Amino acid sequence: CPMVRVTQVNLGDREHSNCRWNRHTLRAGAELQGFPSKDTNLSPSTFYLWHQSFEPCSGRFYYYRRSSQESLSKPPRTGFVPMVRRPAESPKARSSMPLSVPHEKYWSQRRRLFSLFDHGVQLDTESWFSVTPECVAHHQAWRCMQKLHNDHHQSLLCDINRHEPLVIFDAFCGVGGNTIAFARHLNVHVFACDTDKERLRMASHNARVYNVSTAVSFLHGDALNIMNKAILKEECSPFSTRKIDMIFLSPPWGGPEYRAAETFDLSSILVSGFTLIQVLNMALKLCRNVAFFLPRNTDLQSLAAELTVPFKVEREYVNRKEKSMTLYFGKLAEG
C-alpha cells in the first residue's frame, strides 16, 4: 500500500493570494505603476491590487486599486482581477437566468465559478455543476507551479528566462476553469483537451476573456487516446517533440448525483470505456507529476489499495465547507 498523506486547506470565497501571475499581468502592472514594462524585478504581489466592485446607482461595475487610489470604469486590460464583490441580486438579475442553468443555486454562485463572469464567460448546462470554482482552481494551480518551480531549483525570475515553458496537459478541460488558472502563471503552456467541440469553443472564448489564450492550445479529441499515443511516442502525437511536465485530471464525476452516495467509487465511472483508476494509471505512465481532482466522498482506501506509488491528498474547503479533494503525485506530492 503506498504512503498517503492528507492535508486540509480552507480557501475562503476568494482567490489564493500567493499565486504567481502571468506574463501579461506583470507587464501591465509595471506600466500602471509607472515602471518600464521590461522591468522584471518587481514582485508579482505588487500587481494583485485590482478589485472589482458594483455601483448600485448606475448599475455598473468598476475597478479600483487602494494603494494608488485609482479607479477604472472598464476592466484592466489584462482582464485579470480578484474575485467579484457580489452585489445583492435584484429581481431583474434573477429573472435573467439563462435556460442553460440547471438550478437557481448555480446562478447565484456564478461569480464564484468565474470572477469575470459578467464580461462574457460562457458555460453549458453540464459546466454549471462540473467546472472547478475559481478559488479552488487557482489554489491547485499555485500549488502545482510552486512544486514544479522548486523542482528546477530556480527562482521565479529564472523560470521566466527558461527557453521552453512548462507544459501542462489538462485532459478534461471542459469550459476551461482549471486551464485558465494554470495559464495565468509565468512561463507555462497548457494543452487543453475535451471531446465536446462546443465546450472546447467555450473554453477558448473564456481564455480570451481572461487574456490567456496565447498560453493555451486546445485539442479536440479523446484525452486517453492522446495520452496513449504520447506513451507510444507516435509522431502524430502533439507531445512527440515536447516533454509533459504535469498532467491535470478532472474527469466527469457522473453529475450532481455523486453527492447522494456514501462513497464515490472510482470504478463506477467509465471514461471512454476505462475506469478512473485506469485513467490515472495511464497518466502516471506518461508523467509522474499528476494532479487528480475528485469528489469529497471519494473512497481513498480502495484507491490506495490499487496504487503502488505514494500520493498526497488535499481536501479543499470553501467558507469552511468541504467541497472536493485533489490527489497529488510525483513532485507535486512532496513537502
C-alpha atoms as a PDB file:
ATOM      1  CA  CYS A   1       0.000   0.000   0.000  1.00  0.00           C
ATOM      2  CA  PRO A   2       1.509   3.377  -0.950  1.00  0.00           C
ATOM      3  CA  MET A   3       2.141   6.143   1.548  1.00  0.00           C
ATOM      4  CA  VAL A   4      -0.801   8.525   1.712  1.00  0.00           C
ATOM      5  CA  ARG A   5      -0.735  11.947   3.375  1.00  0.00           C
ATOM      6  CA  VAL A   6      -3.877  14.012   3.889  1.00  0.00           C
ATOM      7  CA  THR A   7      -3.971  17.782   4.441  1.00  0.00           C
ATOM      8  CA  GLN A   8      -6.739  20.366   4.532  1.00  0.00           C
ATOM      9  CA  VAL A   9      -6.825  23.836   3.011  1.00  0.00           C
ATOM     10  CA  ASN A  10      -9.510  26.439   3.679  1.00  0.00           C
ATOM     11  CA  LEU A  11      -9.664  28.729   0.668  1.00  0.00           C
ATOM     12  CA  GLY A  12     -12.441  31.086   1.647  1.00  0.00           C
ATOM     13  CA  ASP A  13     -14.559  32.721  -1.028  1.00  0.00           C
ATOM     14  CA  ARG A  14     -11.678  34.390  -2.835  1.00  0.00           C
ATOM     15  CA  GLU A  15      -8.646  33.613  -4.936  1.00  0.00           C
ATOM     16  CA  HIS A  16      -5.439  32.368  -3.345  1.00  0.00           C
ATOM     17  CA  SER A  17      -3.355  35.465  -2.650  1.00  0.00           C
ATOM     18  CA  ASN A  18       0.021  33.818  -3.233  1.00  0.00           C
ATOM     19  CA  CYS A  19      -0.495  32.988  -6.905  1.00  0.00           C
ATOM     20  CA  ARG A  20       2.240  33.913  -9.360  1.00  0.00           C
ATOM     21  CA  TRP A  21       0.586  35.819 -12.142  1.00  0.00           C
ATOM     22  CA  ASN A  22       1.206  35.502 -15.822  1.00  0.00           C
ATOM     23  CA  ARG A  23       3.400  37.498 -18.168  1.00  0.00           C
ATOM     24  CA  HIS A  24       0.532  39.775 -19.235  1.00  0.00           C
ATOM     25  CA  THR A  25      -0.248  40.786 -15.649  1.00  0.00           C
ATOM     26  CA  LEU A  26       3.374  41.593 -14.870  1.00  0.00           C
ATOM     27  CA  ARG A  27       3.749  43.774 -17.942  1.00  0.00           C
ATOM     28  CA  ALA A  28       0.507  45.693 -17.480  1.00  0.00           C
ATOM     29  CA  GLY A  29       1.087  46.081 -13.738  1.00  0.00           C
ATOM     30  CA  ALA A  30       4.544  47.528 -14.321  1.00  0.00           C
ATOM     31  CA  GLU A  31       3.182  50.122 -16.728  1.00  0.00           C
ATOM     32  CA  LEU A  32       0.366  51.089 -14.366  1.00  0.00           C
ATOM     33  CA  GLN A  33       2.881  51.650 -11.579  1.00  0.00           C
ATOM     34  CA  GLY A  34       4.948  53.919 -13.818  1.00  0.00           C
ATOM     35  CA  PHE A  35       7.785  51.433 -14.330  1.00  0.00           C
ATOM     36  CA  PRO A  36       9.027  50.308 -17.750  1.00  0.00           C
ATOM     37  CA  SER A  37       7.364  47.091 -18.852  1.00  0.00           C
ATOM     38  CA  LYS A  38      10.712  45.334 -19.264  1.00  0.00           C
ATOM     39  CA  ASP A  39      11.424  45.650 -15.532  1.00  0.00           C
ATOM     40  CA  THR A  40      11.010  42.056 -14.348  1.00  0.00           C
ATOM     41  CA  ASN A  41      12.495  42.641 -10.882  1.00  0.00           C
ATOM     42  CA  LEU A  42       9.116  43.649  -9.493  1.00  0.00           C
ATOM     43  CA  SER A  43       7.366  41.342  -7.074  1.00  0.00           C
ATOM     44  CA  PRO A  44       4.327  39.581  -8.586  1.00  0.00           C
ATOM     45  CA  SER A  45       2.358  40.510  -5.445  1.00  0.00           C
ATOM     46  CA  THR A  46       2.708  44.182  -6.495  1.00  0.00           C
ATOM     47  CA  PHE A  47       0.026  43.621  -9.117  1.00  0.00           C
ATOM     48  CA  TYR A  48      -2.512  41.745  -7.032  1.00  0.00           C
ATOM     49  CA  LEU A  49      -4.207  45.051  -6.272  1.00  0.00           C
ATOM     50  CA  TRP A  50      -7.211  45.476  -8.565  1.00  0.00           C
ATOM     51  CA  HIS A  51     -10.636  44.887  -7.019  1.00  0.00           C
ATOM     52  CA  GLN A  52     -13.994  44.748  -8.706  1.00  0.00           C
ATOM     53  CA  SER A  53     -16.982  46.427  -7.105  1.00  0.00           C
ATOM     54  CA  PHE A  54     -20.506  47.434  -8.014  1.00  0.00           C
ATOM     55  CA  GLU A  55     -22.162  50.865  -8.111  1.00  0.00           C
ATOM     56  CA  PRO A  56     -25.896  50.371  -7.375  1.00  0.00           C
ATOM     57  CA  CYS A  57     -26.939  53.837  -8.623  1.00  0.00           C
ATOM     58  CA  SER A  58     -25.542  53.341 -12.118  1.00  0.00           C
ATOM     59  CA  GLY A  59     -25.913  49.557 -12.083  1.00  0.00           C
ATOM     60  CA  ARG A  60     -22.343  49.151 -13.367  1.00  0.00           C
ATOM     61  CA  PHE A  61     -19.145  47.510 -12.208  1.00  0.00           C
ATOM     62  CA  TYR A  62     -15.968  49.481 -11.628  1.00  0.00           C
ATOM     63  CA  TYR A  63     -12.389  48.610 -10.698  1.00  0.00           C
ATOM     64  CA  TYR A  64     -10.246  50.225  -8.048  1.00  0.00           C
ATOM     65  CA  ARG A  65      -6.799  49.954  -6.510  1.00  0.00           C
ATOM     66  CA  ARG A  66      -6.338  51.035  -2.901  1.00  0.00           C
ATOM     67  CA  SER A  67      -2.586  51.680  -2.996  1.00  0.00           C
ATOM     68  CA  SER A  68      -2.715  54.414  -5.657  1.00  0.00           C
ATOM     69  CA  GLN A  69      -6.409  55.371  -5.251  1.00  0.00           C
ATOM     70  CA  GLU A  70      -7.001  54.680  -8.936  1.00  0.00           C
ATOM     71  CA  SER A  71     -10.305  53.563 -10.404  1.00  0.00           C
ATOM     72  CA  LEU A  72     -11.399  52.361 -13.830  1.00  0.00           C
ATOM     73  CA  SER A  73     -14.821  52.100 -15.426  1.00  0.00           C
ATOM     74  CA  LYS A  74     -13.583  49.284 -17.661  1.00  0.00           C
ATOM     75  CA  PRO A  75     -11.708  46.149 -16.549  1.00  0.00           C
ATOM     76  CA  PRO A  76      -7.881  46.322 -16.526  1.00  0.00           C
ATOM     77  CA  ARG A  77      -6.595  45.482 -19.978  1.00  0.00           C
ATOM     78  CA  THR A  78      -5.154  42.204 -18.688  1.00  0.00           C
ATOM     79  CA  GLY A  79      -8.684  41.014 -17.912  1.00  0.00           C
ATOM     80  CA  PHE A  80      -7.303  39.872 -14.587  1.00  0.00           C
ATOM     81  CA  VAL A  81      -8.933  40.929 -11.316  1.00  0.00           C
ATOM     82  CA  PRO A  82      -9.602  39.219  -7.962  1.00  0.00           C
ATOM     83  CA  MET A  83     -12.948  37.728  -7.069  1.00  0.00           C
ATOM     84  CA  VAL A  84     -16.004  39.917  -7.543  1.00  0.00           C
ATOM     85  CA  ARG A  85     -17.518  41.601  -4.524  1.00  0.00           C
ATOM     86  CA  ARG A  86     -21.044  40.427  -5.214  1.00  0.00           C
ATOM     87  CA  PRO A  87     -23.890  42.971  -5.141  1.00  0.00           C
ATOM     88  CA  ALA A  88     -27.282  41.997  -3.810  1.00  0.00           C
ATOM     89  CA  GLU A  89     -29.237  40.210  -6.512  1.00  0.00           C
ATOM     90  CA  SER A  90     -32.047  42.288  -7.996  1.00  0.00           C
ATOM     91  CA  PRO A  91     -35.339  40.758  -9.237  1.00  0.00           C
ATOM     92  CA  LYS A  92     -34.253  41.668 -12.769  1.00  0.00           C
ATOM     93  CA  ALA A  93     -30.978  39.772 -12.361  1.00  0.00           C
ATOM     94  CA  ARG A  94     -32.781  36.688 -11.054  1.00  0.00           C
ATOM     95  CA  SER A  95     -35.258  36.744 -13.940  1.00  0.00           C
ATOM     96  CA  SER A  96     -32.419  36.923 -16.465  1.00  0.00           C
ATOM     97  CA  MET A  97     -31.086  33.496 -15.546  1.00  0.00           C
ATOM     98  CA  PRO A  98     -30.281  31.627 -18.800  1.00  0.00           C
ATOM     99  CA  LEU A  99     -32.161  28.454 -19.653  1.00  0.00           C
ATOM    100  CA  SER A 100     -28.868  26.524 -19.619  1.00  0.00           C
ATOM    101  CA  VAL A 101     -28.597  26.915 -15.823  1.00  0.00           C
ATOM    102  CA  PRO A 102     -29.897  23.677 -14.246  1.00  0.00           C
ATOM    103  CA  HIS A 103     -30.818  25.294 -10.899  1.00  0.00           C
ATOM    104  CA  GLU A 104     -31.055  28.796  -9.418  1.00  0.00           C
ATOM    105  CA  LYS A 105     -28.379  27.983  -6.807  1.00  0.00           C
ATOM    106  CA  TYR A 106     -25.780  27.676  -9.592  1.00  0.00           C
ATOM    107  CA  TRP A 107     -26.785  31.055 -10.976  1.00  0.00           C
ATOM    108  CA  SER A 108     -26.333  32.683  -7.566  1.00  0.00           C
ATOM    109  CA  GLN A 109     -22.786  31.259  -7.449  1.00  0.00           C
ATOM    110  CA  ARG A 110     -21.822  32.217 -11.000  1.00  0.00           C
ATOM    111  CA  ARG A 111     -19.139  34.710  -9.969  1.00  0.00           C
ATOM    112  CA  ARG A 112     -17.677  32.139  -7.612  1.00  0.00           C
ATOM    113  CA  LEU A 113     -17.120  29.935 -10.651  1.00  0.00           C
ATOM    114  CA  PHE A 114     -15.648  32.777 -12.748  1.00  0.00           C
ATOM    115  CA  SER A 115     -14.868  36.189 -11.264  1.00  0.00           C
ATOM    116  CA  LEU A 116     -15.136  37.679 -14.767  1.00  0.00           C
ATOM    117  CA  PHE A 117     -18.496  36.052 -15.462  1.00  0.00           C
ATOM    118  CA  ASP A 118     -20.077  39.422 -16.280  1.00  0.00           C
ATOM    119  CA  HIS A 119     -17.517  40.008 -19.026  1.00  0.00           C
ATOM    120  CA  GLY A 120     -18.884  37.268 -21.257  1.00  0.00           C
ATOM    121  CA  VAL A 121     -17.870  33.915 -19.734  1.00  0.00           C
ATOM    122  CA  GLN A 122     -19.769  31.070 -21.383  1.00  0.00           C
ATOM    123  CA  LEU A 123     -20.967  27.794 -19.811  1.00  0.00           C
ATOM    124  CA  ASP A 124     -23.189  24.970 -20.989  1.00  0.00           C
ATOM    125  CA  THR A 125     -25.633  23.072 -18.764  1.00  0.00           C
ATOM    126  CA  GLU A 126     -23.149  20.438 -17.579  1.00  0.00           C
ATOM    127  CA  SER A 127     -20.445  23.015 -16.860  1.00  0.00           C
ATOM    128  CA  TRP A 128     -22.565  24.784 -14.261  1.00  0.00           C
ATOM    129  CA  PHE A 129     -22.099  21.863 -11.865  1.00  0.00           C
ATOM    130  CA  SER A 130     -18.791  20.456 -13.155  1.00  0.00           C
ATOM    131  CA  VAL A 131     -16.454  23.454 -13.513  1.00  0.00           C
ATOM    132  CA  THR A 132     -13.962  23.948 -10.677  1.00  0.00           C
ATOM    133  CA  PRO A 133     -14.726  27.049  -8.556  1.00  0.00           C
ATOM    134  CA  GLU A 134     -12.169  29.734  -9.329  1.00  0.00           C
ATOM    135  CA  CYS A 135     -10.659  29.941  -5.848  1.00  0.00           C
ATOM    136  CA  VAL A 136     -10.091  26.159  -5.829  1.00  0.00           C
ATOM    137  CA  ALA A 137      -8.675  26.136  -9.373  1.00  0.00           C
ATOM    138  CA  HIS A 138      -6.219  28.902  -8.557  1.00  0.00           C
ATOM    139  CA  HIS A 139      -5.066  27.216  -5.388  1.00  0.00           C
ATOM    140  CA  GLN A 140      -4.457  23.981  -7.303  1.00  0.00           C
ATOM    141  CA  ALA A 141      -2.504  25.845  -9.977  1.00  0.00           C
ATOM    142  CA  TRP A 142      -0.485  27.812  -7.410  1.00  0.00           C
ATOM    143  CA  ARG A 143       0.416  24.647  -5.509  1.00  0.00           C
ATOM    144  CA  CYS A 144       1.449  22.741  -8.631  1.00  0.00           C
ATOM    145  CA  MET A 145       3.512  25.602 -10.030  1.00  0.00           C
ATOM    146  CA  GLN A 146       5.253  26.048  -6.689  1.00  0.00           C
ATOM    147  CA  LYS A 147       6.318  22.390  -6.692  1.00  0.00           C
ATOM    148  CA  LEU A 148       7.362  22.373 -10.352  1.00  0.00           C
ATOM    149  CA  HIS A 149       9.419  25.541  -9.990  1.00  0.00           C
ATOM    150  CA  ASN A 150      11.083  24.180  -6.858  1.00  0.00           C
ATOM    151  CA  ASP A 151      11.904  21.034  -8.799  1.00  0.00           C
ATOM    152  CA  HIS A 152      14.109  23.102 -11.080  1.00  0.00           C
ATOM    153  CA  HIS A 153      15.814  24.744  -8.067  1.00  0.00           C
ATOM    154  CA  GLN A 154      15.295  28.167  -9.601  1.00  0.00           C
ATOM    155  CA  SER A 155      13.562  31.367  -8.608  1.00  0.00           C
ATOM    156  CA  LEU A 156      10.522  32.704 -10.438  1.00  0.00           C
ATOM    157  CA  LEU A 157      12.684  35.035 -12.499  1.00  0.00           C
ATOM    158  CA  CYS A 158      14.909  32.166 -13.600  1.00  0.00           C
ATOM    159  CA  ASP A 159      11.833  30.295 -14.744  1.00  0.00           C
ATOM    160  CA  ILE A 160      10.737  33.308 -16.789  1.00  0.00           C
ATOM    161  CA  ASN A 161      14.008  33.141 -18.663  1.00  0.00           C
ATOM    162  CA  ARG A 162      13.731  29.443 -19.480  1.00  0.00           C
ATOM    163  CA  HIS A 163      13.756  28.881 -23.210  1.00  0.00           C
ATOM    164  CA  GLU A 164      10.912  26.355 -23.063  1.00  0.00           C
ATOM    165  CA  PRO A 165       7.787  26.856 -20.925  1.00  0.00           C
ATOM    166  CA  LEU A 166       6.437  24.237 -18.558  1.00  0.00           C
ATOM    167  CA  VAL A 167       3.974  22.032 -20.451  1.00  0.00           C
ATOM    168  CA  ILE A 168       0.728  21.097 -18.698  1.00  0.00           C
ATOM    169  CA  PHE A 169      -1.859  18.727 -20.120  1.00  0.00           C
ATOM    170  CA  ASP A 170      -5.415  19.403 -18.916  1.00  0.00           C
ATOM    171  CA  ALA A 171      -7.027  16.178 -20.034  1.00  0.00           C
ATOM    172  CA  PHE A 172     -10.684  17.071 -19.368  1.00  0.00           C
ATOM    173  CA  CYS A 173     -10.737  20.850 -19.673  1.00  0.00           C
ATOM    174  CA  GLY A 174     -14.488  21.461 -20.003  1.00  0.00           C
ATOM    175  CA  VAL A 175     -15.110  25.205 -20.342  1.00  0.00           C
ATOM    176  CA  GLY A 176     -11.609  25.994 -19.105  1.00  0.00           C
ATOM    177  CA  GLY A 177     -11.757  26.707 -15.367  1.00  0.00           C
ATOM    178  CA  ASN A 178      -8.504  24.923 -14.496  1.00  0.00           C
ATOM    179  CA  THR A 179      -6.947  25.664 -17.879  1.00  0.00           C
ATOM    180  CA  ILE A 180      -7.263  29.401 -17.245  1.00  0.00           C
ATOM    181  CA  ALA A 181      -5.886  29.040 -13.713  1.00  0.00           C
ATOM    182  CA  PHE A 182      -2.728  27.305 -14.995  1.00  0.00           C
ATOM    183  CA  ALA A 183      -2.344  29.650 -17.966  1.00  0.00           C
ATOM    184  CA  ARG A 184      -2.258  32.685 -15.661  1.00  0.00           C
ATOM    185  CA  HIS A 185       1.119  31.576 -14.338  1.00  0.00           C
ATOM    186  CA  LEU A 186       4.533  32.539 -15.658  1.00  0.00           C
ATOM    187  CA  ASN A 187       6.235  30.594 -18.426  1.00  0.00           C
ATOM    188  CA  VAL A 188       3.529  27.937 -18.765  1.00  0.00           C
ATOM    189  CA  HIS A 189       1.799  26.489 -21.819  1.00  0.00           C
ATOM    190  CA  VAL A 190      -1.369  24.470 -21.330  1.00  0.00           C
ATOM    191  CA  PHE A 191      -2.675  21.832 -23.724  1.00  0.00           C
ATOM    192  CA  ALA A 192      -6.413  21.656 -23.009  1.00  0.00           C
ATOM    193  CA  CYS A 193      -8.374  18.673 -24.306  1.00  0.00           C
ATOM    194  CA  ASP A 194     -12.071  17.826 -24.483  1.00  0.00           C
ATOM    195  CA  THR A 195     -14.272  15.576 -26.591  1.00  0.00           C
ATOM    196  CA  ASP A 196     -17.079  18.148 -26.864  1.00  0.00           C
ATOM    197  CA  LYS A 197     -16.364  20.617 -29.667  1.00  0.00           C
ATOM    198  CA  GLU A 198     -18.850  23.225 -28.429  1.00  0.00           C
ATOM    199  CA  ARG A 199     -17.467  23.071 -24.889  1.00  0.00           C
ATOM    200  CA  LEU A 200     -13.980  23.471 -26.284  1.00  0.00           C
ATOM    201  CA  ARG A 201     -15.144  26.558 -28.185  1.00  0.00           C
ATOM    202  CA  MET A 202     -16.464  27.979 -24.912  1.00  0.00           C
ATOM    203  CA  ALA A 203     -13.153  27.246 -23.185  1.00  0.00           C
ATOM    204  CA  SER A 204     -11.310  29.087 -25.949  1.00  0.00           C
ATOM    205  CA  HIS A 205     -13.680  32.037 -25.595  1.00  0.00           C
ATOM    206  CA  ASN A 206     -13.266  32.107 -21.800  1.00  0.00           C
ATOM    207  CA  ALA A 207      -9.484  32.042 -22.158  1.00  0.00           C
ATOM    208  CA  ARG A 208      -9.764  35.181 -24.297  1.00  0.00           C
ATOM    209  CA  VAL A 209     -11.915  36.835 -21.620  1.00  0.00           C
ATOM    210  CA  TYR A 210      -9.057  36.256 -19.139  1.00  0.00           C
ATOM    211  CA  ASN A 211      -6.459  37.229 -21.762  1.00  0.00           C
ATOM    212  CA  VAL A 212      -4.530  33.950 -21.512  1.00  0.00           C
ATOM    213  CA  SER A 213      -5.404  32.463 -24.917  1.00  0.00           C
ATOM    214  CA  THR A 214      -1.787  32.765 -26.150  1.00  0.00           C
ATOM    215  CA  ALA A 215      -0.721  30.387 -23.366  1.00  0.00           C
ATOM    216  CA  VAL A 216      -3.231  27.654 -24.327  1.00  0.00           C
ATOM    217  CA  SER A 217      -3.501  25.151 -27.180  1.00  0.00           C
ATOM    218  CA  PHE A 218      -6.886  23.448 -27.479  1.00  0.00           C
ATOM    219  CA  LEU A 219      -7.124  19.821 -28.588  1.00  0.00           C
ATOM    220  CA  HIS A 220     -10.404  18.301 -29.772  1.00  0.00           C
ATOM    221  CA  GLY A 221     -10.374  14.572 -29.133  1.00  0.00           C
ATOM    222  CA  ASP A 222     -10.176  11.729 -26.645  1.00  0.00           C
ATOM    223  CA  ALA A 223      -7.626  12.510 -23.913  1.00  0.00           C
ATOM    224  CA  LEU A 224      -6.923   8.808 -23.330  1.00  0.00           C
ATOM    225  CA  ASN A 225      -6.148   8.286 -27.000  1.00  0.00           C
ATOM    226  CA  ILE A 226      -3.850  11.313 -26.939  1.00  0.00           C
ATOM    227  CA  MET A 227      -2.049  10.044 -23.827  1.00  0.00           C
ATOM    228  CA  ASN A 228      -1.687   6.567 -25.323  1.00  0.00           C
ATOM    229  CA  LYS A 229      -0.125   7.995 -28.495  1.00  0.00           C
ATOM    230  CA  ALA A 230       2.277  10.010 -26.372  1.00  0.00           C
ATOM    231  CA  ILE A 231       3.247   6.909 -24.357  1.00  0.00           C
ATOM    232  CA  LEU A 232       3.922   5.036 -27.601  1.00  0.00           C
ATOM    233  CA  LYS A 233       5.841   8.075 -28.904  1.00  0.00           C
ATOM    234  CA  GLU A 234       3.850   8.190 -32.123  1.00  0.00           C
ATOM    235  CA  GLU A 235       4.763  11.011 -34.488  1.00  0.00           C
ATOM    236  CA  CYS A 236       1.152  12.162 -34.750  1.00  0.00           C
ATOM    237  CA  SER A 237       1.060  12.880 -31.008  1.00  0.00           C
ATOM    238  CA  PRO A 238       1.031  16.594 -30.048  1.00  0.00           C
ATOM    239  CA  PHE A 239       3.676  15.671 -27.472  1.00  0.00           C
ATOM    240  CA  SER A 240       6.035  13.864 -29.865  1.00  0.00           C
ATOM    241  CA  THR A 241       8.518  16.743 -29.608  1.00  0.00           C
ATOM    242  CA  ARG A 242       7.522  18.099 -26.182  1.00  0.00           C
ATOM    243  CA  LYS A 243       8.019  16.814 -22.675  1.00  0.00           C
ATOM    244  CA  ILE A 244       4.938  16.943 -20.474  1.00  0.00           C
ATOM    245  CA  ASP A 245       5.811  18.436 -17.086  1.00  0.00           C
ATOM    246  CA  MET A 246       2.437  17.750 -15.485  1.00  0.00           C
ATOM    247  CA  ILE A 247      -0.987  16.238 -16.159  1.00  0.00           C
ATOM    248  CA  PHE A 248      -4.160  17.573 -14.573  1.00  0.00           C
ATOM    249  CA  LEU A 249      -7.109  15.179 -14.413  1.00  0.00           C
ATOM    250  CA  SER A 250     -10.628  16.387 -13.684  1.00  0.00           C
ATOM    251  CA  PRO A 251     -12.748  13.641 -15.275  1.00  0.00           C
ATOM    252  CA  PRO A 252     -16.562  13.562 -15.238  1.00  0.00           C
ATOM    253  CA  TRP A 253     -17.985  12.600 -11.845  1.00  0.00           C
ATOM    254  CA  GLY A 254     -21.336  11.407 -13.165  1.00  0.00           C
ATOM    255  CA  GLY A 255     -23.347  14.561 -12.449  1.00  0.00           C
ATOM    256  CA  PRO A 256     -24.584  16.027  -9.136  1.00  0.00           C
ATOM    257  CA  GLU A 257     -25.930  12.604  -8.114  1.00  0.00           C
ATOM    258  CA  TYR A 258     -22.469  11.649  -6.781  1.00  0.00           C
ATOM    259  CA  ARG A 259     -23.242  13.682  -3.623  1.00  0.00           C
ATOM    260  CA  ALA A 260     -26.032  11.286  -2.629  1.00  0.00           C
ATOM    261  CA  ALA A 261     -23.690   8.279  -2.466  1.00  0.00           C
ATOM    262  CA  GLU A 262     -21.952   7.468   0.807  1.00  0.00           C
ATOM    263  CA  THR A 263     -18.678   6.958  -1.050  1.00  0.00           C
ATOM    264  CA  PHE A 264     -17.583   7.734  -4.596  1.00  0.00           C
ATOM    265  CA  ASP A 265     -16.172   4.591  -6.210  1.00  0.00           C
ATOM    266  CA  LEU A 266     -13.641   5.320  -8.959  1.00  0.00           C
ATOM    267  CA  SER A 267     -14.506   2.035 -10.667  1.00  0.00           C
ATOM    268  CA  SER A 268     -18.161   3.076 -11.073  1.00  0.00           C
ATOM    269  CA  ILE A 269     -17.433   5.815 -13.625  1.00  0.00           C
ATOM    270  CA  LEU A 270     -16.238   4.942 -17.123  1.00  0.00           C
ATOM    271  CA  VAL A 271     -14.424   7.351 -19.431  1.00  0.00           C
ATOM    272  CA  SER A 272     -14.049   6.052 -22.998  1.00  0.00           C
ATOM    273  CA  GLY A 273     -14.513   2.534 -21.624  1.00  0.00           C
ATOM    274  CA  PHE A 274     -11.873   2.914 -18.881  1.00  0.00           C
ATOM    275  CA  THR A 275     -12.384   3.254 -15.128  1.00  0.00           C
ATOM    276  CA  LEU A 276     -10.958   6.316 -13.407  1.00  0.00           C
ATOM    277  CA  ILE A 277      -8.267   4.131 -11.820  1.00  0.00           C
ATOM    278  CA  GLN A 278      -7.161   3.049 -15.299  1.00  0.00           C
ATOM    279  CA  VAL A 279      -7.218   6.685 -16.464  1.00  0.00           C
ATOM    280  CA  LEU A 280      -4.952   7.623 -13.552  1.00  0.00           C
ATOM    281  CA  ASN A 281      -2.536   4.755 -14.235  1.00  0.00           C
ATOM    282  CA  MET A 282      -2.295   5.753 -17.887  1.00  0.00           C
ATOM    283  CA  ALA A 283      -1.488   9.340 -16.896  1.00  0.00           C
ATOM    284  CA  LEU A 284       1.194   8.141 -14.453  1.00  0.00           C
ATOM    285  CA  LYS A 285       2.819   6.125 -17.255  1.00  0.00           C
ATOM    286  CA  LEU A 286       3.169   9.296 -19.278  1.00  0.00           C
ATOM    287  CA  CYS A 287       4.202  11.676 -16.482  1.00  0.00           C
ATOM    288  CA  ARG A 288       4.898  11.139 -12.795  1.00  0.00           C
ATOM    289  CA  ASN A 289       3.580  14.612 -11.883  1.00  0.00           C
ATOM    290  CA  VAL A 290      -0.191  14.218 -11.832  1.00  0.00           C
ATOM    291  CA  ALA A 291      -2.955  16.119 -10.031  1.00  0.00           C
ATOM    292  CA  PHE A 292      -6.261  14.225  -9.784  1.00  0.00           C
ATOM    293  CA  PHE A 293      -9.377  16.270  -8.868  1.00  0.00           C
ATOM    294  CA  LEU A 294     -12.083  14.173  -7.176  1.00  0.00           C
ATOM    295  CA  PRO A 295     -15.303  14.473  -5.127  1.00  0.00           C
ATOM    296  CA  ARG A 296     -15.024  14.911  -1.372  1.00  0.00           C
ATOM    297  CA  ASN A 297     -16.608  11.489  -0.722  1.00  0.00           C
ATOM    298  CA  THR A 298     -14.045   9.501  -2.767  1.00  0.00           C
ATOM    299  CA  ASP A 299     -13.195   6.108  -1.301  1.00  0.00           C
ATOM    300  CA  LEU A 300      -9.488   6.603  -0.573  1.00  0.00           C
ATOM    301  CA  GLN A 301      -8.941   3.176   0.968  1.00  0.00           C
ATOM    302  CA  SER A 302      -9.909   1.283  -2.173  1.00  0.00           C
ATOM    303  CA  LEU A 303      -7.935   3.762  -4.269  1.00  0.00           C
ATOM    304  CA  ALA A 304      -4.767   3.348  -2.188  1.00  0.00           C
ATOM    305  CA  ALA A 305      -5.121  -0.443  -2.374  1.00  0.00           C
ATOM    306  CA  GLU A 306      -4.921  -0.315  -6.189  1.00  0.00           C
ATOM    307  CA  LEU A 307      -1.930   2.026  -6.422  1.00  0.00           C
ATOM    308  CA  THR A 308       1.743   1.323  -5.879  1.00  0.00           C
ATOM    309  CA  VAL A 309       3.008   4.915  -5.779  1.00  0.00           C
ATOM    310  CA  PRO A 310       2.813   7.393  -2.882  1.00  0.00           C
ATOM    311  CA  PHE A 311       0.494  10.353  -3.153  1.00  0.00           C
ATOM    312  CA  LYS A 312      -0.759  13.281  -1.123  1.00  0.00           C
ATOM    313  CA  VAL A 313      -4.408  14.142  -0.592  1.00  0.00           C
ATOM    314  CA  GLU A 314      -5.510  17.739  -0.102  1.00  0.00           C
ATOM    315  CA  ARG A 315      -9.074  18.413   0.951  1.00  0.00           C
ATOM    316  CA  GLU A 316     -10.394  21.762  -0.267  1.00  0.00           C
ATOM    317  CA  TYR A 317     -12.738  23.815   1.910  1.00  0.00           C
ATOM    318  CA  VAL A 318     -14.600  26.908   0.723  1.00  0.00           C
ATOM    319  CA  ASN A 319     -16.051  29.006   3.535  1.00  0.00           C
ATOM    320  CA  ARG A 320     -15.273  26.112   5.916  1.00  0.00           C
ATOM    321  CA  LYS A 321     -17.345  23.663   3.865  1.00  0.00           C
ATOM    322  CA  GLU A 322     -15.573  20.722   2.275  1.00  0.00           C
ATOM    323  CA  LYS A 323     -16.040  20.863  -1.490  1.00  0.00           C
ATOM    324  CA  SER A 324     -13.599  18.404  -3.037  1.00  0.00           C
ATOM    325  CA  MET A 325     -10.216  16.742  -2.791  1.00  0.00           C
ATOM    326  CA  THR A 326      -7.149  16.685  -5.006  1.00  0.00           C
ATOM    327  CA  LEU A 327      -4.605  13.853  -5.173  1.00  0.00           C
ATOM    328  CA  TYR A 328      -1.029  14.861  -5.978  1.00  0.00           C
ATOM    329  CA  PHE A 329       1.606  12.502  -7.353  1.00  0.00           C
ATOM    330  CA  GLY A 330       5.313  12.752  -8.079  1.00  0.00           C
ATOM    331  CA  LYS A 331       6.979  16.084  -7.303  1.00  0.00           C
ATOM    332  CA  LEU A 332       3.555  17.547  -6.596  1.00  0.00           C
ATOM    333  CA  ALA A 333       3.236  15.289  -3.530  1.00  0.00           C
ATOM    334  CA  GLU A 334       6.492  16.403  -1.926  1.00  0.00           C
ATOM    335  CA  GLY A 335       6.695  18.755   1.029  1.00  0.00           C
END
